[in-house]
């Protein structure tokens, strides 16, 4: 029998290796919450030693933070307004992306939110930053160029409600389109009320 061909391991740059390891973490998040990610499993899938993984991420917490941050960037990629359209169409684009992202990744999203709620400062910082970005996108899409403090706070409250409803609803409970309609209309009312109160 002819000898088996030798496999050559591709040498990756530091940035490529970090991206590979984060990508593996994001893939594994599909099946399990962040705190159940095994560093040994991640290293084995990447074809490197556990010790080498820690050259790129000094601690397990640093690795988890990088994965959570990447997951947040994916959320922001989905929860964005279309470049054209009416104010309501642009808001609807954000809401549709947000709801579909949360519902497709419900278990993992809830696990990440609970980690943030548990007070881990790094994870909390990531979540707060992404929530703030989404709220700012909603305000911009709704043409609130100079929102008052009350309006900004009201939109943050609305976003918290949207998140809770997206997590709790299923097609059997409330179809996604119905939920999206409700959230878009509700935002209009929240903005009207905050303007009336401020006026």
N, C-alpha and C. Protein backbone atom coordinates (compact mmCIF):
# COMPACT_ATOMS: atom_id res chain seq x y z
N UNK A 1 0.84 -1.20 0.00
CA UNK A 1 0.00 0.00 0.00
C UNK A 1 0.87 1.24 0.00
N UNK A 2 0.49 2.24 -0.82
CA UNK A 2 1.29 3.46 -0.82
C UNK A 2 1.12 4.20 0.51
N UNK A 3 2.15 4.89 0.98
CA UNK A 3 2.02 5.63 2.25
C UNK A 3 0.98 6.74 2.14
N UNK A 4 0.30 7.00 3.28
CA UNK A 4 -0.70 8.08 3.29
C UNK A 4 0.00 9.42 3.11
N UNK A 5 -0.65 10.33 2.39
CA UNK A 5 -0.01 11.64 2.22
C UNK A 5 0.10 12.36 3.56
N UNK A 6 1.22 13.04 3.73
CA UNK A 6 1.39 13.80 4.98
C UNK A 6 0.55 15.06 4.96
N UNK A 7 -0.09 15.34 6.13
CA UNK A 7 -0.90 16.57 6.21
C UNK A 7 -0.04 17.71 6.70
N UNK A 8 -0.10 18.80 6.01
CA UNK A 8 0.66 19.96 6.45
C UNK A 8 -0.30 20.91 7.15
N UNK A 9 0.11 21.35 8.32
CA UNK A 9 -0.72 22.28 9.08
C UNK A 9 -0.45 23.70 8.60
N UNK A 10 -1.51 24.41 8.28
CA UNK A 10 -1.34 25.78 7.80
C UNK A 10 -0.98 26.69 8.97
N UNK A 11 0.07 27.45 8.78
CA UNK A 11 0.48 28.39 9.83
C UNK A 11 -0.32 29.68 9.67
N UNK A 12 -1.01 30.08 10.72
CA UNK A 12 -1.85 31.27 10.66
C UNK A 12 -1.16 32.43 11.36
N UNK A 13 -1.44 33.63 10.88
CA UNK A 13 -0.95 34.82 11.58
C UNK A 13 -1.71 34.94 12.90
N UNK A 14 -1.24 35.79 13.80
CA UNK A 14 -1.90 35.97 15.10
C UNK A 14 -3.35 36.42 14.92
N UNK A 15 -3.59 37.35 14.00
CA UNK A 15 -4.96 37.84 13.77
C UNK A 15 -5.85 36.73 13.20
N UNK A 16 -5.30 35.98 12.26
CA UNK A 16 -6.08 34.88 11.67
C UNK A 16 -6.41 33.82 12.71
N UNK A 17 -5.45 33.52 13.58
CA UNK A 17 -5.69 32.52 14.62
C UNK A 17 -6.75 33.00 15.60
N UNK A 18 -6.68 34.27 15.98
CA UNK A 18 -7.69 34.82 16.89
C UNK A 18 -9.08 34.73 16.26
N UNK A 19 -9.16 35.11 14.97
CA UNK A 19 -10.46 35.04 14.28
C UNK A 19 -10.96 33.60 14.21
N UNK A 20 -10.04 32.66 13.96
CA UNK A 20 -10.42 31.25 13.90
C UNK A 20 -10.98 30.79 15.25
N UNK A 21 -10.30 31.14 16.34
CA UNK A 21 -10.73 30.70 17.67
C UNK A 21 -12.07 31.32 18.07
N UNK A 22 -12.25 32.59 17.73
CA UNK A 22 -13.53 33.26 18.01
C UNK A 22 -14.63 32.61 17.18
N UNK A 23 -14.33 32.31 15.92
CA UNK A 23 -15.30 31.66 15.04
C UNK A 23 -15.75 30.31 15.59
N UNK A 24 -14.79 29.56 16.13
CA UNK A 24 -15.14 28.27 16.74
C UNK A 24 -16.05 28.48 17.94
N UNK A 25 -15.73 29.48 18.76
CA UNK A 25 -16.58 29.80 19.91
C UNK A 25 -17.99 30.17 19.49
N UNK A 26 -18.12 30.96 18.45
CA UNK A 26 -19.45 31.36 17.96
C UNK A 26 -20.22 30.14 17.44
N UNK A 27 -19.51 29.23 16.76
CA UNK A 27 -20.16 28.03 16.26
C UNK A 27 -20.66 27.16 17.41
N UNK A 28 -19.83 27.02 18.44
CA UNK A 28 -20.21 26.19 19.58
C UNK A 28 -21.35 26.82 20.38
N UNK A 29 -21.46 28.15 20.31
CA UNK A 29 -22.55 28.83 21.02
C UNK A 29 -23.92 28.44 20.48
N UNK A 30 -23.96 27.91 19.27
CA UNK A 30 -25.24 27.48 18.70
C UNK A 30 -25.84 26.35 19.54
N UNK A 31 -24.97 25.54 20.15
CA UNK A 31 -25.44 24.37 20.89
C UNK A 31 -25.40 24.50 22.40
N UNK A 32 -24.70 25.51 22.91
CA UNK A 32 -24.54 25.59 24.36
C UNK A 32 -24.34 27.03 24.82
N UNK A 33 -24.64 27.32 26.10
CA UNK A 33 -24.40 28.67 26.62
C UNK A 33 -22.91 28.95 26.76
N UNK A 34 -22.58 30.23 26.87
CA UNK A 34 -21.18 30.66 26.89
C UNK A 34 -20.38 30.01 28.01
N UNK A 35 -20.97 29.85 29.21
CA UNK A 35 -20.20 29.31 30.34
C UNK A 35 -19.91 27.82 30.19
N UNK A 36 -20.55 27.17 29.21
CA UNK A 36 -20.29 25.74 28.98
C UNK A 36 -19.28 25.51 27.85
N UNK A 37 -18.75 26.58 27.29
CA UNK A 37 -17.71 26.42 26.27
C UNK A 37 -16.47 25.82 26.91
N UNK A 38 -15.93 24.77 26.31
CA UNK A 38 -14.73 24.13 26.83
C UNK A 38 -13.51 24.64 26.06
N UNK A 39 -12.57 25.20 26.80
CA UNK A 39 -11.34 25.69 26.18
C UNK A 39 -10.60 24.55 25.51
N UNK A 40 -10.59 23.38 26.15
CA UNK A 40 -9.92 22.21 25.55
C UNK A 40 -10.56 21.83 24.22
N UNK A 41 -11.89 21.89 24.18
CA UNK A 41 -12.60 21.54 22.94
C UNK A 41 -12.30 22.55 21.84
N UNK A 42 -12.28 23.82 22.20
CA UNK A 42 -11.97 24.87 21.23
C UNK A 42 -10.57 24.67 20.67
N UNK A 43 -9.60 24.44 21.57
CA UNK A 43 -8.21 24.24 21.14
C UNK A 43 -8.09 23.01 20.24
N UNK A 44 -8.77 21.92 20.62
CA UNK A 44 -8.69 20.69 19.82
C UNK A 44 -9.27 20.91 18.43
N UNK A 45 -10.39 21.64 18.35
CA UNK A 45 -11.00 21.88 17.04
C UNK A 45 -10.10 22.75 16.17
N UNK A 46 -9.35 23.64 16.81
CA UNK A 46 -8.43 24.51 16.05
C UNK A 46 -7.13 23.78 15.70
N UNK A 47 -6.93 22.60 16.31
CA UNK A 47 -5.71 21.85 16.05
C UNK A 47 -4.50 22.42 16.75
N UNK A 48 -4.73 23.06 17.91
CA UNK A 48 -3.62 23.64 18.67
C UNK A 48 -3.72 23.16 20.12
N UNK A 49 -2.70 23.45 20.88
CA UNK A 49 -2.72 23.07 22.30
C UNK A 49 -3.47 24.12 23.11
N UNK A 50 -3.92 23.72 24.28
CA UNK A 50 -4.58 24.64 25.21
C UNK A 50 -3.65 25.81 25.54
N UNK A 51 -2.36 25.48 25.73
CA UNK A 51 -1.39 26.52 26.07
C UNK A 51 -1.25 27.56 24.96
N UNK A 52 -1.30 27.11 23.71
CA UNK A 52 -1.19 28.06 22.59
C UNK A 52 -2.42 28.96 22.54
N UNK A 53 -3.60 28.41 22.85
CA UNK A 53 -4.81 29.25 22.87
C UNK A 53 -4.62 30.41 23.84
N UNK A 54 -3.99 30.13 24.98
CA UNK A 54 -3.82 31.17 25.99
C UNK A 54 -2.73 32.18 25.61
N UNK A 55 -2.04 31.93 24.50
CA UNK A 55 -1.14 32.98 23.97
C UNK A 55 -1.96 34.08 23.31
N UNK A 56 -3.12 33.72 22.79
CA UNK A 56 -3.97 34.69 22.10
C UNK A 56 -5.00 35.32 23.03
N UNK A 57 -5.41 34.57 24.04
CA UNK A 57 -6.38 35.06 25.03
C UNK A 57 -5.81 34.68 26.40
N UNK A 58 -5.29 35.65 27.15
CA UNK A 58 -4.56 35.34 28.39
C UNK A 58 -5.35 34.50 29.41
N UNK A 59 -6.68 34.69 29.45
CA UNK A 59 -7.49 33.92 30.40
C UNK A 59 -8.74 33.41 29.68
N UNK A 60 -9.40 32.45 30.32
CA UNK A 60 -10.66 31.94 29.79
C UNK A 60 -11.67 33.08 29.68
N UNK A 61 -11.68 33.98 30.65
CA UNK A 61 -12.61 35.11 30.64
C UNK A 61 -12.35 36.02 29.45
N UNK A 62 -11.08 36.24 29.12
CA UNK A 62 -10.74 37.06 27.94
C UNK A 62 -11.29 36.42 26.67
N UNK A 63 -11.19 35.10 26.60
CA UNK A 63 -11.71 34.40 25.42
C UNK A 63 -13.23 34.54 25.35
N UNK A 64 -13.91 34.31 26.47
CA UNK A 64 -15.37 34.43 26.51
C UNK A 64 -15.79 35.85 26.11
N UNK A 65 -15.04 36.84 26.60
CA UNK A 65 -15.35 38.23 26.28
C UNK A 65 -15.26 38.46 24.77
N UNK A 66 -14.21 37.93 24.16
CA UNK A 66 -14.02 38.10 22.71
C UNK A 66 -15.16 37.44 21.94
N UNK A 67 -15.61 36.27 22.39
CA UNK A 67 -16.70 35.58 21.72
C UNK A 67 -18.01 36.36 21.88
N UNK A 68 -18.26 36.84 23.11
CA UNK A 68 -19.48 37.62 23.37
C UNK A 68 -19.49 38.90 22.54
N UNK A 69 -18.33 39.54 22.44
CA UNK A 69 -18.22 40.77 21.65
C UNK A 69 -18.52 40.48 20.17
N UNK A 70 -18.02 39.36 19.67
CA UNK A 70 -18.28 38.98 18.28
C UNK A 70 -19.76 38.67 18.08
N UNK A 71 -20.39 38.01 19.07
CA UNK A 71 -21.83 37.73 18.98
C UNK A 71 -22.61 39.04 18.94
N UNK A 72 -22.18 40.01 19.74
CA UNK A 72 -22.83 41.33 19.73
C UNK A 72 -22.71 42.02 18.38
N UNK A 73 -21.55 41.88 17.76
CA UNK A 73 -21.37 42.49 16.42
C UNK A 73 -22.31 41.85 15.40
N UNK A 74 -22.53 40.55 15.56
CA UNK A 74 -23.48 39.86 14.65
C UNK A 74 -24.89 40.41 14.85
N UNK A 75 -25.25 40.66 16.11
CA UNK A 75 -26.57 41.24 16.38
C UNK A 75 -26.69 42.59 15.69
N UNK A 76 -25.66 43.42 15.83
CA UNK A 76 -25.70 44.76 15.22
C UNK A 76 -25.76 44.68 13.70
N UNK A 77 -25.14 43.65 13.14
CA UNK A 77 -25.18 43.48 11.69
C UNK A 77 -26.61 43.23 11.20
N UNK A 78 -27.41 42.54 12.03
CA UNK A 78 -28.79 42.25 11.66
C UNK A 78 -29.75 43.39 12.01
N UNK A 79 -29.52 44.02 13.16
CA UNK A 79 -30.45 45.05 13.64
C UNK A 79 -30.06 46.42 13.10
N UNK A 80 -30.24 46.60 11.80
CA UNK A 80 -29.91 47.89 11.21
C UNK A 80 -30.99 48.31 10.22
N UNK A 81 -31.09 49.60 10.03
CA UNK A 81 -32.12 50.14 9.15
C UNK A 81 -31.68 50.02 7.69
N UNK A 82 -32.64 49.82 6.78
CA UNK A 82 -32.29 49.89 5.36
C UNK A 82 -31.85 51.31 5.02
N UNK A 83 -31.08 51.45 3.98
CA UNK A 83 -30.55 52.78 3.64
C UNK A 83 -31.63 53.72 3.11
N UNK A 84 -32.69 53.17 2.53
CA UNK A 84 -33.76 54.02 2.00
C UNK A 84 -35.09 53.60 2.61
N UNK A 85 -36.10 54.44 2.38
CA UNK A 85 -37.44 54.12 2.89
C UNK A 85 -37.94 55.20 3.83
N UNK A 86 -39.20 55.08 4.19
CA UNK A 86 -39.79 56.03 5.13
C UNK A 86 -39.22 55.76 6.52
N UNK A 87 -39.50 56.68 7.41
CA UNK A 87 -39.06 56.52 8.80
C UNK A 87 -39.58 55.21 9.37
N UNK A 88 -40.86 54.91 9.17
CA UNK A 88 -41.43 53.68 9.72
C UNK A 88 -40.83 52.44 9.09
N UNK A 89 -40.53 52.50 7.79
CA UNK A 89 -39.91 51.36 7.11
C UNK A 89 -38.49 51.11 7.65
N UNK A 90 -37.81 52.20 7.94
CA UNK A 90 -36.45 52.06 8.48
C UNK A 90 -36.48 51.48 9.90
N UNK A 91 -37.42 51.97 10.71
CA UNK A 91 -37.58 51.41 12.06
C UNK A 91 -37.93 49.92 11.96
N UNK A 92 -38.85 49.62 11.05
CA UNK A 92 -39.29 48.23 10.88
C UNK A 92 -38.11 47.33 10.49
N UNK A 93 -37.21 47.84 9.68
CA UNK A 93 -36.03 47.05 9.30
C UNK A 93 -35.19 46.68 10.52
N UNK A 94 -35.00 47.63 11.43
CA UNK A 94 -34.24 47.36 12.66
C UNK A 94 -34.96 46.33 13.51
N UNK A 95 -36.26 46.55 13.70
CA UNK A 95 -37.05 45.65 14.55
C UNK A 95 -37.07 44.23 13.97
N UNK A 96 -37.26 44.12 12.67
CA UNK A 96 -37.30 42.80 12.02
C UNK A 96 -35.98 42.07 12.21
N UNK A 97 -34.88 42.76 11.98
CA UNK A 97 -33.56 42.14 12.16
C UNK A 97 -33.31 41.73 13.59
N UNK A 98 -33.69 42.59 14.52
CA UNK A 98 -33.49 42.32 15.95
C UNK A 98 -34.31 41.11 16.39
N UNK A 99 -35.61 41.12 16.08
CA UNK A 99 -36.49 40.03 16.49
C UNK A 99 -36.05 38.70 15.88
N UNK A 100 -35.74 38.70 14.59
CA UNK A 100 -35.36 37.43 13.94
C UNK A 100 -34.04 36.91 14.51
N UNK A 101 -33.09 37.80 14.81
CA UNK A 101 -31.81 37.38 15.38
C UNK A 101 -32.04 36.73 16.75
N UNK A 102 -32.80 37.40 17.61
CA UNK A 102 -33.04 36.89 18.96
C UNK A 102 -33.78 35.56 18.91
N UNK A 103 -34.80 35.48 18.05
CA UNK A 103 -35.60 34.25 18.02
C UNK A 103 -34.85 33.07 17.42
N UNK A 104 -33.96 33.32 16.47
CA UNK A 104 -33.18 32.22 15.89
C UNK A 104 -32.15 31.68 16.88
N UNK A 105 -31.73 32.54 17.81
CA UNK A 105 -30.68 32.15 18.76
C UNK A 105 -31.18 32.29 20.20
N UNK A 106 -32.44 31.99 20.40
CA UNK A 106 -33.11 32.25 21.67
C UNK A 106 -32.33 31.73 22.89
N UNK A 107 -32.00 30.43 22.89
CA UNK A 107 -31.35 29.82 24.06
C UNK A 107 -30.03 30.50 24.38
N UNK A 108 -29.21 30.68 23.36
CA UNK A 108 -27.90 31.30 23.58
C UNK A 108 -28.01 32.78 23.93
N UNK A 109 -28.99 33.46 23.30
CA UNK A 109 -29.17 34.88 23.62
C UNK A 109 -29.55 35.04 25.08
N UNK A 110 -30.48 34.20 25.55
CA UNK A 110 -30.89 34.27 26.96
C UNK A 110 -29.71 33.97 27.87
N UNK A 111 -28.90 32.98 27.50
CA UNK A 111 -27.73 32.63 28.32
C UNK A 111 -26.77 33.81 28.41
N UNK A 112 -26.55 34.49 27.28
CA UNK A 112 -25.66 35.66 27.28
C UNK A 112 -26.23 36.80 28.10
N UNK A 113 -27.54 37.03 27.98
CA UNK A 113 -28.18 38.10 28.75
C UNK A 113 -28.05 37.82 30.25
N UNK A 114 -28.21 36.55 30.62
CA UNK A 114 -28.10 36.20 32.04
C UNK A 114 -26.69 36.40 32.57
N UNK A 115 -25.69 36.09 31.72
CA UNK A 115 -24.30 36.34 32.12
C UNK A 115 -24.11 37.83 32.36
N UNK A 116 -24.66 38.66 31.46
CA UNK A 116 -24.55 40.12 31.61
C UNK A 116 -25.28 40.57 32.87
N UNK A 117 -26.48 40.01 33.09
CA UNK A 117 -27.27 40.38 34.27
C UNK A 117 -26.58 39.94 35.54
N UNK A 118 -25.73 38.90 35.44
CA UNK A 118 -25.01 38.42 36.61
C UNK A 118 -23.92 39.37 37.07
N UNK A 119 -23.66 40.39 36.28
CA UNK A 119 -22.76 41.44 36.74
C UNK A 119 -21.32 41.31 36.28
N UNK A 120 -21.01 40.40 35.36
CA UNK A 120 -19.64 40.34 34.86
C UNK A 120 -19.38 41.65 34.12
N UNK A 121 -18.47 42.48 34.64
CA UNK A 121 -18.28 43.83 34.07
C UNK A 121 -17.95 43.84 32.59
N UNK A 122 -17.12 42.89 32.14
CA UNK A 122 -16.73 42.87 30.73
C UNK A 122 -17.93 42.57 29.84
N UNK A 123 -18.69 41.52 30.20
CA UNK A 123 -19.85 41.14 29.40
C UNK A 123 -20.91 42.24 29.46
N UNK A 124 -21.09 42.81 30.65
CA UNK A 124 -22.06 43.90 30.82
C UNK A 124 -21.71 45.09 29.92
N UNK A 125 -20.42 45.38 29.84
CA UNK A 125 -19.96 46.49 28.99
C UNK A 125 -20.31 46.23 27.53
N UNK A 126 -20.11 44.99 27.07
CA UNK A 126 -20.44 44.64 25.69
C UNK A 126 -21.93 44.82 25.44
N UNK A 127 -22.76 44.26 26.32
CA UNK A 127 -24.20 44.33 26.13
C UNK A 127 -24.72 45.76 26.19
N UNK A 128 -24.22 46.52 27.15
CA UNK A 128 -24.69 47.90 27.26
C UNK A 128 -24.31 48.70 26.01
N UNK A 129 -23.11 48.46 25.50
CA UNK A 129 -22.68 49.16 24.29
C UNK A 129 -23.54 48.83 23.09
N UNK A 130 -23.87 47.56 22.92
CA UNK A 130 -24.68 47.16 21.77
C UNK A 130 -26.13 47.62 21.91
N UNK A 131 -26.65 47.56 23.11
CA UNK A 131 -28.02 48.05 23.32
C UNK A 131 -28.10 49.55 23.05
N UNK A 132 -27.09 50.27 23.50
CA UNK A 132 -27.06 51.72 23.26
C UNK A 132 -27.01 52.01 21.77
N UNK A 133 -26.20 51.24 21.04
CA UNK A 133 -26.09 51.42 19.59
C UNK A 133 -27.43 51.18 18.90
N UNK A 134 -28.13 50.11 19.30
CA UNK A 134 -29.43 49.81 18.68
C UNK A 134 -30.43 50.92 18.99
N UNK A 135 -30.44 51.40 20.24
CA UNK A 135 -31.35 52.48 20.61
C UNK A 135 -31.04 53.73 19.78
N UNK A 136 -29.77 54.03 19.57
CA UNK A 136 -29.39 55.19 18.75
C UNK A 136 -29.83 55.00 17.30
N UNK A 137 -29.72 53.79 16.79
CA UNK A 137 -30.18 53.51 15.43
C UNK A 137 -31.68 53.72 15.30
N UNK A 138 -32.42 53.27 16.32
CA UNK A 138 -33.88 53.43 16.31
C UNK A 138 -34.23 54.92 16.33
N UNK A 139 -33.57 55.68 17.17
CA UNK A 139 -33.84 57.12 17.25
C UNK A 139 -33.53 57.80 15.91
N UNK A 140 -32.42 57.41 15.29
CA UNK A 140 -32.06 58.01 14.00
C UNK A 140 -33.07 57.63 12.92
N UNK A 141 -33.48 56.35 12.89
CA UNK A 141 -34.46 55.90 11.90
C UNK A 141 -35.80 56.58 12.10
N UNK A 142 -36.14 56.86 13.37
CA UNK A 142 -37.41 57.53 13.69
C UNK A 142 -37.31 59.05 13.53
N UNK A 143 -36.15 59.50 13.03
CA UNK A 143 -35.90 60.92 12.76
C UNK A 143 -35.98 61.77 14.02
N UNK A 144 -35.44 61.22 15.10
CA UNK A 144 -35.31 61.96 16.36
C UNK A 144 -33.88 62.48 16.43
N UNK A 145 -33.65 63.62 15.77
CA UNK A 145 -32.28 64.11 15.64
C UNK A 145 -31.71 64.62 16.95
N UNK A 146 -32.54 65.28 17.75
CA UNK A 146 -32.07 65.77 19.05
C UNK A 146 -33.03 65.30 20.14
N UNK A 147 -32.98 64.02 20.44
CA UNK A 147 -33.93 63.49 21.42
C UNK A 147 -33.65 64.05 22.82
N UNK A 148 -34.72 64.26 23.55
CA UNK A 148 -34.55 64.67 24.94
C UNK A 148 -34.08 63.46 25.75
N UNK A 149 -33.65 63.73 26.97
CA UNK A 149 -33.23 62.63 27.85
C UNK A 149 -34.38 61.66 28.06
N UNK A 150 -35.60 62.21 28.19
CA UNK A 150 -36.77 61.36 28.40
C UNK A 150 -37.02 60.47 27.18
N UNK A 151 -36.90 61.04 25.98
CA UNK A 151 -37.12 60.26 24.76
C UNK A 151 -36.09 59.14 24.64
N UNK A 152 -34.84 59.47 24.90
CA UNK A 152 -33.78 58.44 24.83
C UNK A 152 -34.04 57.33 25.83
N UNK A 153 -34.46 57.71 27.04
CA UNK A 153 -34.75 56.72 28.06
C UNK A 153 -35.96 55.87 27.68
N UNK A 154 -36.96 56.52 27.09
CA UNK A 154 -38.17 55.81 26.67
C UNK A 154 -37.84 54.77 25.60
N UNK A 155 -36.95 55.11 24.68
CA UNK A 155 -36.56 54.16 23.63
C UNK A 155 -35.76 53.01 24.22
N UNK A 156 -34.92 53.28 25.22
CA UNK A 156 -34.21 52.18 25.89
C UNK A 156 -35.21 51.24 26.58
N UNK A 157 -36.24 51.82 27.20
CA UNK A 157 -37.27 51.00 27.82
C UNK A 157 -38.04 50.18 26.81
N UNK A 158 -38.35 50.82 25.69
CA UNK A 158 -39.04 50.11 24.60
C UNK A 158 -38.19 48.95 24.09
N UNK A 159 -36.89 49.18 23.96
CA UNK A 159 -35.99 48.13 23.47
C UNK A 159 -35.94 46.96 24.45
N UNK A 160 -35.96 47.25 25.75
CA UNK A 160 -35.98 46.18 26.76
C UNK A 160 -37.25 45.34 26.61
N UNK A 161 -38.37 46.03 26.35
CA UNK A 161 -39.63 45.32 26.13
C UNK A 161 -39.55 44.47 24.86
N UNK A 162 -39.00 45.05 23.79
CA UNK A 162 -38.87 44.32 22.53
C UNK A 162 -38.03 43.06 22.71
N UNK A 163 -36.96 43.19 23.47
CA UNK A 163 -36.08 42.04 23.73
C UNK A 163 -36.84 40.94 24.47
N UNK A 164 -37.55 41.33 25.53
CA UNK A 164 -38.30 40.36 26.33
C UNK A 164 -39.38 39.66 25.49
N UNK A 165 -40.08 40.43 24.68
CA UNK A 165 -41.14 39.85 23.85
C UNK A 165 -40.56 38.94 22.77
N UNK A 166 -39.43 39.32 22.20
CA UNK A 166 -38.78 38.48 21.18
C UNK A 166 -38.33 37.15 21.79
N UNK A 167 -37.82 37.20 23.01
CA UNK A 167 -37.36 35.98 23.68
C UNK A 167 -38.54 35.07 24.02
N UNK A 168 -39.62 35.66 24.52
CA UNK A 168 -40.73 34.85 25.04
C UNK A 168 -41.72 34.37 23.98
N UNK A 169 -41.79 35.05 22.84
CA UNK A 169 -42.81 34.67 21.86
C UNK A 169 -42.28 33.63 20.88
N UNK A 170 -43.16 32.77 20.43
CA UNK A 170 -42.87 31.82 19.36
C UNK A 170 -43.98 31.98 18.32
N UNK A 171 -43.82 31.34 17.19
CA UNK A 171 -44.84 31.43 16.14
C UNK A 171 -46.20 30.95 16.64
N UNK A 172 -46.19 29.98 17.58
CA UNK A 172 -47.44 29.46 18.12
C UNK A 172 -48.09 30.47 19.07
N UNK A 173 -47.28 31.24 19.76
CA UNK A 173 -47.81 32.22 20.72
C UNK A 173 -48.20 33.49 20.00
N UNK A 174 -47.24 34.15 19.38
CA UNK A 174 -47.48 35.36 18.57
C UNK A 174 -46.59 35.25 17.34
N UNK A 175 -47.17 35.19 16.15
CA UNK A 175 -46.34 35.13 14.94
C UNK A 175 -45.39 36.33 14.86
N UNK A 176 -44.22 36.11 14.29
CA UNK A 176 -43.18 37.14 14.24
C UNK A 176 -43.69 38.43 13.60
N UNK A 177 -44.43 38.33 12.49
CA UNK A 177 -44.90 39.53 11.80
C UNK A 177 -45.84 40.34 12.69
N UNK A 178 -46.68 39.64 13.45
CA UNK A 178 -47.60 40.32 14.36
C UNK A 178 -46.82 41.03 15.47
N UNK A 179 -45.79 40.36 15.98
CA UNK A 179 -44.96 40.96 17.02
C UNK A 179 -44.24 42.19 16.48
N UNK A 180 -43.70 42.09 15.28
CA UNK A 180 -42.98 43.23 14.68
C UNK A 180 -43.94 44.40 14.47
N UNK A 181 -45.14 44.15 13.96
CA UNK A 181 -46.15 45.21 13.79
C UNK A 181 -46.43 45.90 15.13
N UNK A 182 -46.62 45.09 16.16
CA UNK A 182 -46.92 45.64 17.49
C UNK A 182 -45.79 46.54 17.97
N UNK A 183 -44.56 46.08 17.83
CA UNK A 183 -43.41 46.85 18.33
C UNK A 183 -43.23 48.17 17.57
N UNK A 184 -43.44 48.13 16.25
CA UNK A 184 -43.29 49.36 15.45
C UNK A 184 -44.36 50.38 15.84
N UNK A 185 -45.60 49.93 15.95
CA UNK A 185 -46.70 50.84 16.34
C UNK A 185 -46.48 51.35 17.77
N UNK A 186 -46.05 50.45 18.64
CA UNK A 186 -45.82 50.83 20.03
C UNK A 186 -44.72 51.89 20.15
N UNK A 187 -43.68 51.78 19.31
CA UNK A 187 -42.61 52.78 19.35
C UNK A 187 -43.17 54.15 18.98
N UNK A 188 -44.03 54.22 17.97
CA UNK A 188 -44.65 55.50 17.60
C UNK A 188 -45.36 56.12 18.80
N UNK A 189 -46.08 55.29 19.53
CA UNK A 189 -46.83 55.79 20.69
C UNK A 189 -45.88 56.24 21.80
N UNK A 190 -44.82 55.49 22.00
CA UNK A 190 -43.82 55.86 23.02
C UNK A 190 -43.21 57.22 22.68
N UNK A 191 -42.86 57.42 21.41
CA UNK A 191 -42.27 58.68 20.99
C UNK A 191 -43.27 59.83 21.11
N UNK A 192 -44.51 59.60 20.71
CA UNK A 192 -45.56 60.62 20.83
C UNK A 192 -45.74 61.02 22.30
N UNK A 193 -45.80 60.03 23.17
CA UNK A 193 -46.01 60.30 24.59
C UNK A 193 -44.83 61.04 25.20
N UNK A 194 -43.62 60.66 24.83
CA UNK A 194 -42.44 61.34 25.39
C UNK A 194 -42.37 62.78 24.91
N UNK A 195 -42.78 63.01 23.65
CA UNK A 195 -42.80 64.40 23.12
C UNK A 195 -43.87 65.22 23.85
N UNK A 196 -45.04 64.62 24.07
CA UNK A 196 -46.12 65.33 24.75
C UNK A 196 -45.74 65.66 26.19
N UNK A 197 -45.08 64.71 26.85
CA UNK A 197 -44.67 64.92 28.24
C UNK A 197 -43.61 66.02 28.32
N UNK A 198 -42.65 65.96 27.37
CA UNK A 198 -41.57 66.95 27.37
C UNK A 198 -42.10 68.33 27.02
N UNK A 199 -43.17 68.37 26.17
CA UNK A 199 -43.73 69.65 25.72
C UNK A 199 -44.53 70.31 26.80
